[in-house]
Every structure is written in C-alpha cells, then in structure tokens.
Protein backbone atom coordinates (compact mmCIF):
# COMPACT_ATOMS: atom_id res chain seq x y z
CA UNK A 1 -0.20 -0.22 -0.05
CA UNK A 2 1.59 3.22 -1.49
CA UNK A 3 1.18 6.65 0.88
CA UNK A 4 -0.01 9.42 -1.02
CA UNK A 5 0.54 12.81 -0.30
CA UNK A 6 1.08 15.88 -2.29
CA UNK A 7 4.61 16.92 -3.50
CA UNK A 8 4.92 20.30 -4.77
CA UNK A 9 7.92 22.22 -6.24
CA UNK A 10 9.24 22.37 -2.06
CA UNK A 11 8.39 20.77 1.06
CA UNK A 12 5.22 22.00 2.69
CA UNK A 13 4.83 21.08 6.46
CA UNK A 14 0.87 20.11 5.93
CA UNK A 15 1.76 17.63 3.18
CA UNK A 16 5.25 16.13 4.57
CA UNK A 17 3.24 15.51 8.06
CA UNK A 18 2.43 12.45 6.27
CA UNK A 19 6.23 11.20 5.89
CA UNK A 20 6.22 11.92 9.75
CA UNK A 21 3.08 10.88 11.38
CA UNK A 22 2.01 7.49 9.71
CA UNK A 23 5.29 5.74 9.99
CA UNK A 24 4.63 6.31 13.83
CA UNK A 25 1.19 4.91 14.10
CA UNK A 26 1.10 2.34 11.28
CA UNK A 27 2.86 -0.97 11.71
CA UNK A 28 6.10 -1.35 10.49
CA UNK A 29 6.28 -2.37 6.95
CA UNK A 30 2.04 -1.90 6.25
CA UNK A 31 3.09 1.23 3.59
CA UNK A 32 5.12 0.21 0.58
CA UNK A 33 5.50 1.36 -2.97
CA UNK A 34 2.41 -1.00 -4.16
CA UNK A 35 0.46 1.52 -6.31
CA UNK A 36 -2.43 -1.10 -6.40
CA UNK A 37 -3.84 0.06 -3.01
CA UNK A 38 -3.27 3.94 -2.01
CA UNK A 39 -3.30 5.28 1.04
CA UNK A 40 -4.70 8.75 0.93
CA UNK A 41 -3.67 11.12 4.07
CA UNK A 42 -3.11 14.49 5.22
CA UNK A 43 -4.10 17.23 2.46
CA UNK A 44 -6.62 18.32 -0.03
CA UNK A 45 -5.99 15.19 -2.03
CA UNK A 46 -9.30 13.80 -2.84
CA UNK A 47 -8.69 14.28 -6.70
CA UNK A 48 -10.61 13.06 -9.66
CA UNK A 49 -7.17 11.90 -11.31
CA UNK A 50 -6.62 8.40 -9.12
CA UNK A 51 -6.54 5.60 -11.66
CA UNK A 52 -10.07 3.43 -11.43
CA UNK A 53 -7.63 0.22 -10.93
CA UNK A 54 -5.97 1.15 -8.08
CA UNK A 55 -8.08 0.48 -4.36
CA UNK A 56 -7.84 4.11 -2.49
CA UNK A 57 -8.01 4.22 0.86
CA UNK A 58 -9.19 7.52 2.59
CA UNK A 59 -7.92 8.52 5.97
CA UNK A 60 -8.85 12.12 6.99
CA UNK A 61 -8.32 13.90 3.64
CA UNK A 62 -10.40 16.33 2.16
CA UNK A 63 -11.61 17.77 -1.26
CA UNK A 64 -11.37 21.24 -2.10
CA UNK A 65 -12.17 21.87 -5.62
CA UNK A 66 -8.41 21.52 -6.88
CA UNK A 67 -9.75 19.15 -9.36
CA UNK A 68 -12.96 18.16 -10.63
CA UNK A 69 -15.25 15.79 -8.11
CA UNK A 70 -13.87 12.17 -7.56
CA UNK A 71 -16.69 9.59 -8.12
CA UNK A 72 -15.70 7.99 -4.67
CA UNK A 73 -18.96 5.41 -5.26
CA UNK A 74 -17.22 4.02 -8.52
CA UNK A 75 -16.60 1.02 -6.21
CA UNK A 76 -12.46 1.73 -6.10
CA UNK A 77 -12.57 3.87 -2.63
CA UNK A 78 -12.78 2.73 0.62
CA UNK A 79 -13.70 5.83 3.08
CA UNK A 80 -12.40 5.09 6.60
CA UNK A 81 -12.95 9.00 7.49
CA UNK A 82 -12.46 12.47 5.65
CA UNK A 83 -11.58 16.03 7.03
CA UNK A 84 -15.04 17.69 7.70
CA UNK A 85 -18.79 18.24 6.66
CA UNK A 86 -18.14 20.25 3.51
CA UNK A 87 -16.60 17.19 2.10
CA UNK A 88 -18.83 14.66 3.16
CA UNK A 89 -21.65 16.47 1.84
CA UNK A 90 -19.77 17.40 -1.68
CA UNK A 91 -19.11 13.82 -2.23
CA UNK A 92 -22.23 12.50 -0.72
CA UNK A 93 -20.41 10.08 2.09
CA UNK A 94 -22.31 9.62 5.04
CA UNK A 95 -22.02 12.42 7.59
CA UNK A 96 -20.55 10.50 10.52
CA UNK A 97 -17.40 9.81 8.62
CA UNK A 98 -16.65 13.68 8.26
CA UNK A 99 -14.27 12.92 11.78
CA UNK A 100 -11.79 15.42 11.19
CA UNK A 101 -8.03 16.29 9.55
CA UNK A 102 -6.18 13.71 10.04
CA UNK A 103 -3.40 15.84 11.29
CA UNK A 104 -5.54 16.09 14.65
CA UNK A 105 -3.28 12.31 15.49
CA UNK A 106 0.03 14.12 16.24
CA UNK A 107 -1.89 14.13 20.02
CA UNK A 108 -1.58 10.30 19.66
CA UNK A 109 2.38 10.73 19.35
CA UNK A 110 5.16 11.84 21.60
CA UNK A 111 6.42 14.83 19.77
CA UNK A 112 9.69 16.87 19.57
CA UNK A 113 10.35 19.24 22.40
CA UNK A 114 8.88 22.58 22.30
CA UNK A 115 11.29 25.17 21.05
CA UNK A 116 12.54 27.96 23.69
CA UNK A 117 9.72 29.75 24.02
CA UNK A 118 8.94 32.91 22.10
CA UNK A 119 5.45 35.23 22.07
CA UNK A 120 3.93 35.27 18.40
CA UNK A 121 5.04 33.55 15.28
CA UNK A 122 3.58 33.97 11.57
CA UNK A 123 3.06 31.19 9.20
CA UNK A 124 2.26 32.20 6.19
CA UNK A 125 1.21 29.54 3.11
CA UNK A 126 4.01 28.12 1.33
CA UNK A 127 3.09 29.46 -2.06
CA UNK A 128 3.15 33.04 -0.30
CA UNK A 129 6.79 32.55 0.06
CA UNK A 130 7.52 32.32 -3.17
CA UNK A 131 5.24 35.40 -4.18
CA UNK A 132 5.78 37.65 -1.14
CA UNK A 133 8.51 39.33 1.14
CA UNK A 134 7.30 37.75 4.10
CA UNK A 135 10.85 37.62 5.75
CA UNK A 136 11.33 40.87 5.10
CA UNK A 137 8.00 41.66 6.94
CA UNK A 138 8.63 39.53 10.01
CA UNK A 139 11.81 41.06 10.11
CA UNK A 140 10.38 44.73 10.55
CA UNK A 141 7.71 43.26 12.37
CA UNK A 142 9.76 41.64 15.06
CA UNK A 143 7.74 38.55 14.65
CA UNK A 144 9.38 35.22 14.10
CA UNK A 145 8.41 33.68 10.67
CA UNK A 146 7.78 29.95 10.93
CA UNK A 147 8.69 28.53 7.72
CA UNK A 148 6.39 25.87 6.61
CA UNK A 149 9.30 24.59 4.08
CA UNK A 150 11.53 23.69 7.28
CA UNK A 151 11.71 20.40 8.62
CA UNK A 152 8.43 19.15 10.21
CA UNK A 153 10.06 18.64 13.57
CA UNK A 154 11.19 21.92 13.56
CA UNK A 155 7.78 23.62 12.96
CA UNK A 156 5.93 21.27 15.45
CA UNK A 157 8.74 22.35 17.99
CA UNK A 158 8.11 26.01 16.93
CA UNK A 159 4.53 25.72 17.20
CA UNK A 160 4.45 23.61 20.46
CA UNK A 161 6.64 26.77 21.78
CA UNK A 162 4.84 29.61 20.90
CA UNK A 163 2.38 31.63 23.22
CA UNK A 164 0.23 31.99 19.71
CA UNK A 165 0.86 31.50 16.34
CA UNK A 166 -0.67 33.96 13.04
CA UNK A 167 -1.63 31.62 10.49
CA UNK A 168 -2.27 31.59 6.81
CA UNK A 169 -1.17 27.91 6.27
CA UNK A 170 -4.35 25.94 7.18
CA UNK A 171 -2.38 23.04 8.79
CA UNK A 172 -0.56 25.48 10.79
CA UNK A 173 -3.78 26.34 12.50
CA UNK A 174 -4.48 22.46 12.62
CA UNK A 175 -1.62 21.58 14.46
CA UNK A 176 -1.78 24.59 16.50
CA UNK A 177 -5.04 23.54 17.55
CA UNK A 178 -4.42 20.13 18.06
CA UNK A 179 -1.28 20.72 20.14
CA UNK A 180 -3.39 23.52 22.09
CA UNK A 181 -1.01 26.45 21.13
CA UNK A 182 -3.93 29.35 20.62
CA UNK A 183 -4.13 30.56 16.70
CA UNK A 184 -4.82 33.58 14.82
CA UNK A 185 -6.40 32.95 11.25
CA UNK A 186 -5.60 35.49 8.25
CA UNK A 187 -7.20 34.81 5.16
CA UNK A 188 -5.09 33.06 2.31
CA UNK A 189 -4.07 35.62 -0.05
CA UNK A 190 -4.88 33.25 -2.91
CA UNK A 191 -8.99 32.81 -2.60
CA UNK A 192 -8.69 29.44 -3.95
CA UNK A 193 -7.67 28.08 -0.54
CA UNK A 194 -10.34 29.96 1.17
CA UNK A 195 -13.09 27.22 1.18
CA UNK A 196 -11.31 24.26 2.91
CA UNK A 197 -10.92 26.02 6.55
CA UNK A 198 -14.66 25.83 6.93
CA UNK A 199 -14.70 21.98 6.27
CA UNK A 200 -11.98 21.32 8.97
CA UNK A 201 -13.40 23.75 11.32
CA UNK A 202 -16.61 22.28 10.78
CA UNK A 203 -15.63 19.34 12.18
CA UNK A 204 -14.71 20.54 15.50
CA UNK A 205 -18.26 22.60 15.54
CA UNK A 206 -16.07 26.09 15.44
CA UNK A 207 -16.47 28.98 12.99
CA UNK A 208 -13.13 30.46 11.95
CA UNK A 209 -12.67 34.31 12.91
CA UNK A 210 -10.27 35.32 9.67
CA UNK A 211 -8.74 38.48 9.91
CA UNK A 212 -7.45 39.78 6.60
CA UNK A 213 -3.77 39.38 5.22
CA UNK A 214 -2.14 42.63 3.57
CA UNK A 215 0.19 41.58 0.60
CA UNK A 216 3.76 41.72 1.26
CA UNK A 217 4.79 42.27 -2.52
CA UNK A 218 3.62 43.55 -5.79
CA UNK A 219 3.01 39.94 -6.97
CA UNK A 220 1.09 39.28 -3.95
CA UNK A 221 -1.19 42.11 -4.49
CA UNK A 222 -1.78 41.26 -8.19
CA UNK A 223 -2.82 37.31 -6.60
CA UNK A 224 -5.43 39.12 -4.82
CA UNK A 225 -6.60 41.27 -7.52
CA UNK A 226 -6.72 38.66 -9.90
CA UNK A 227 -8.13 35.77 -7.90
CA UNK A 228 -5.37 33.39 -7.45
CA UNK A 229 -3.03 34.27 -11.06
CA UNK A 230 0.19 35.00 -10.73
CA UNK A 231 3.16 32.53 -11.37
CA UNK A 232 6.49 33.93 -9.82
CA UNK A 233 8.21 32.85 -12.71
CA UNK A 234 5.95 34.19 -15.22
CA UNK A 235 5.56 38.03 -16.39
CA UNK A 236 3.91 39.10 -13.17
CA UNK A 237 6.60 37.35 -11.61
CA UNK A 238 9.27 38.83 -13.20
CA UNK A 239 7.92 42.32 -13.16
CA UNK A 240 7.42 42.40 -9.09
CA UNK A 241 11.09 41.55 -8.89
CA UNK A 242 12.29 44.26 -11.72
CA UNK A 243 13.84 47.79 -10.61
CA UNK A 244 10.68 49.31 -11.37
CA UNK A 245 8.44 47.58 -8.90
CA UNK A 246 11.08 48.30 -6.03
CA UNK A 247 9.49 51.29 -4.38
CA UNK A 248 6.22 49.26 -4.67
CA UNK A 249 7.55 46.32 -2.87
CA UNK A 250 9.21 48.68 -0.34
CA UNK A 251 5.68 50.32 0.48
CA UNK A 252 3.92 47.16 0.68
CA UNK A 253 6.29 45.08 2.99
CA UNK A 254 6.42 47.84 5.35
CA UNK A 255 2.22 47.97 5.20
CA UNK A 256 2.65 44.25 5.53
CA UNK A 257 4.99 44.34 8.68
CA UNK A 258 2.54 46.79 10.43
CA UNK A 259 -0.59 44.80 10.01
CA UNK A 260 1.39 41.99 11.39
CA UNK A 261 2.20 43.82 14.71
CA UNK A 262 -1.27 44.84 14.83
CA UNK A 263 -2.83 41.04 14.44
CA UNK A 264 -0.12 39.85 16.95
CA UNK A 265 -2.84 41.76 19.57
CA UNK A 266 -5.67 39.90 18.30
CA UNK A 267 -7.48 37.44 20.25
CA UNK A 268 -6.58 33.94 19.42
CA UNK A 269 -8.74 31.04 19.06
CA UNK A 270 -8.83 27.21 20.04
CA UNK A 271 -11.34 24.41 19.89
CA UNK A 272 -12.83 23.67 22.72
CA UNK A 273 -11.14 20.93 24.87
CA UNK A 274 -13.62 18.18 24.59
CA UNK A 275 -14.05 18.54 20.75
CA UNK A 276 -10.53 17.88 19.95
CA UNK A 277 -10.09 15.14 22.72
CA UNK A 278 -13.63 13.35 20.88
CA UNK A 279 -12.41 13.91 17.78
CA UNK A 280 -9.02 12.19 18.38
CA UNK A 281 -10.17 9.36 19.91
CA UNK A 282 -12.84 8.81 17.06
CA UNK A 283 -10.03 9.06 14.32
CA UNK A 284 -7.71 6.90 16.52
CA UNK A 285 -10.62 4.31 16.62
CA UNK A 286 -11.33 4.43 12.72
CA UNK A 287 -7.46 4.17 11.94
CA UNK A 288 -6.97 1.10 14.26
CA UNK A 289 -9.77 -0.37 13.15
CA UNK A 290 -8.82 -0.06 9.70
CA UNK A 291 -5.54 -1.53 10.24
CA UNK A 292 -7.08 -4.43 12.38
CA UNK A 293 -9.17 -5.23 9.15
CA UNK A 294 -6.51 -5.01 6.83
CA UNK A 295 -4.17 -7.22 8.77
CA UNK A 296 -7.13 -9.92 8.94
CA UNK A 297 -7.44 -10.14 5.40
CA UNK A 298 -4.02 -11.19 5.17
CA UNK A 299 -4.26 -13.73 7.85
C-alpha cells in the first residue's frame, strides 16, 4: 500500500506531515510502494485523477475543488473518514465519516520538545513565500517566521513553543489547535485556499474568525486582485522583482509588517478541549479498525 500526498516544488509542512506521522502510527511494513492500493492521508487530495484500477483508502483527507469531483462511489474507494462535513456533503459521504483532518492524530504521538518559548510566530502559506516578502515583513515586525518549508519536527517544535501563532497556512492552525497553541487565522491571499478551512473547522463545531492579510509584495497584490493568478516565474513574477517594482514592494512590505504587529494583539482561537479530545479518539478508533481489518485480510 503506497502513501499518497501532495508533492510540490518545495516541501510543505501540511503535506510533509504524512511522511512524519504515519510511520509512527502504522505498523512497520504497512506502507510500501505497491500502487495497487493507495493510502490517502493528510491534505486536500481527494482528486479525480487517481487510477480507477487502484484501491483507494481515505484517512482524513479533504476535497477543496482543486480538481473535478472524484466518483468515490465507483467501487474503488474505501472511505475510513474525511476531513470535515463539507467534504462529506460534496462527495455524498455519510456525515458520521466527517471526523476531522487526520493531522489531529499528532496528539497520539510523542512529539519533539517545544522550542525556546517566543511570543507570537507567523506561518504564511508556502506559496506566499514564493510570491511575497514575508521574511522581510517578519523582520520589520519583530515577529519570528515559522517557515512551512522547514523540517516537520522543527515546525512542530516552534508551534509548541509559541504563546500563539498567526497563520495563513491551514495546517498551521490545524496543528496548533491539536497541540493547544492558540492561533489567529488570516485569510489566504489566494482565494482558492479559503473554502477548505470551513471543512476542517466544521468537524470541530467551530467558526474561524478570519483576519485579512495585507500583501507583502506587488506580486501578492496581483494574486489577490486576480483571484489567484500570478506565477512567480511568469511575466507578473518577473515584473514584481524588477527595479521598477522596488518602490511599490518597499511600501507593501512595510504595510504588511505593520499589519502583522496589529494582528499580534488579536484574540486567538482554540477549539473546545472536549471536542478535540472526542475527534482524536474517533480518528484513532477508525485508524485502528482499518489496520486490524487490513491485517486480518492477509491472515
């Protein structure tokens, strides 16, 4: 059974959690490279591009509209649980299988120690680090950058050590919430990433209080203006890095830094303790039941 997760041009924390978490939660040798059976874990990866011939086992994944709707009723899918009620509704899955994003299962692991405590950290979406000037904005704001491209254990350690985090990355909020670090959500600059937050938060009976995020560069301003278009390697990206764009970028990065400082004073969120405990237990039971059934089928 092969682990499936999104692999972009750089590592991304939410996706790379798959390589960290499942090795600790699943029996040794459970995962291999056999593509006849696919283990679909953390991420918005319920795509319509998986081969019909493969058996697909879904463990807390979500649908976010990045592809067309997969036909999960064609006989090749085994839905153990999904990320939230929006995924269940759109795909026509039983509501009781909308447990939570499977990253909540980090609560069942022995985690790396908390980093030396700092007050507030900011985690942008990994795409924003290509398009924006967030390293500079964080430096100007005096707020540490939590880089989603860093090693998974380092990011977990930073989240655990923060008093609170500001996050544009949904898995920044998911992991912070699971580990009981208060968080402030900022609306992703790319609107294509908005809807999936409702899916996750719905599983926790929680409404996300979004704050707007000021663009830190001319390219990010363009991305927000055009509804997500703006390739860092395309014409808009090249223009945003040109000398002509320098004055505009300088103004935007300073405004973004000022806004980060303002958000550092915002009231953070957390789901209810009893709710996060409940969904963790349900997700663990679903995972263990799946593993037992799988092992019995080979005895």
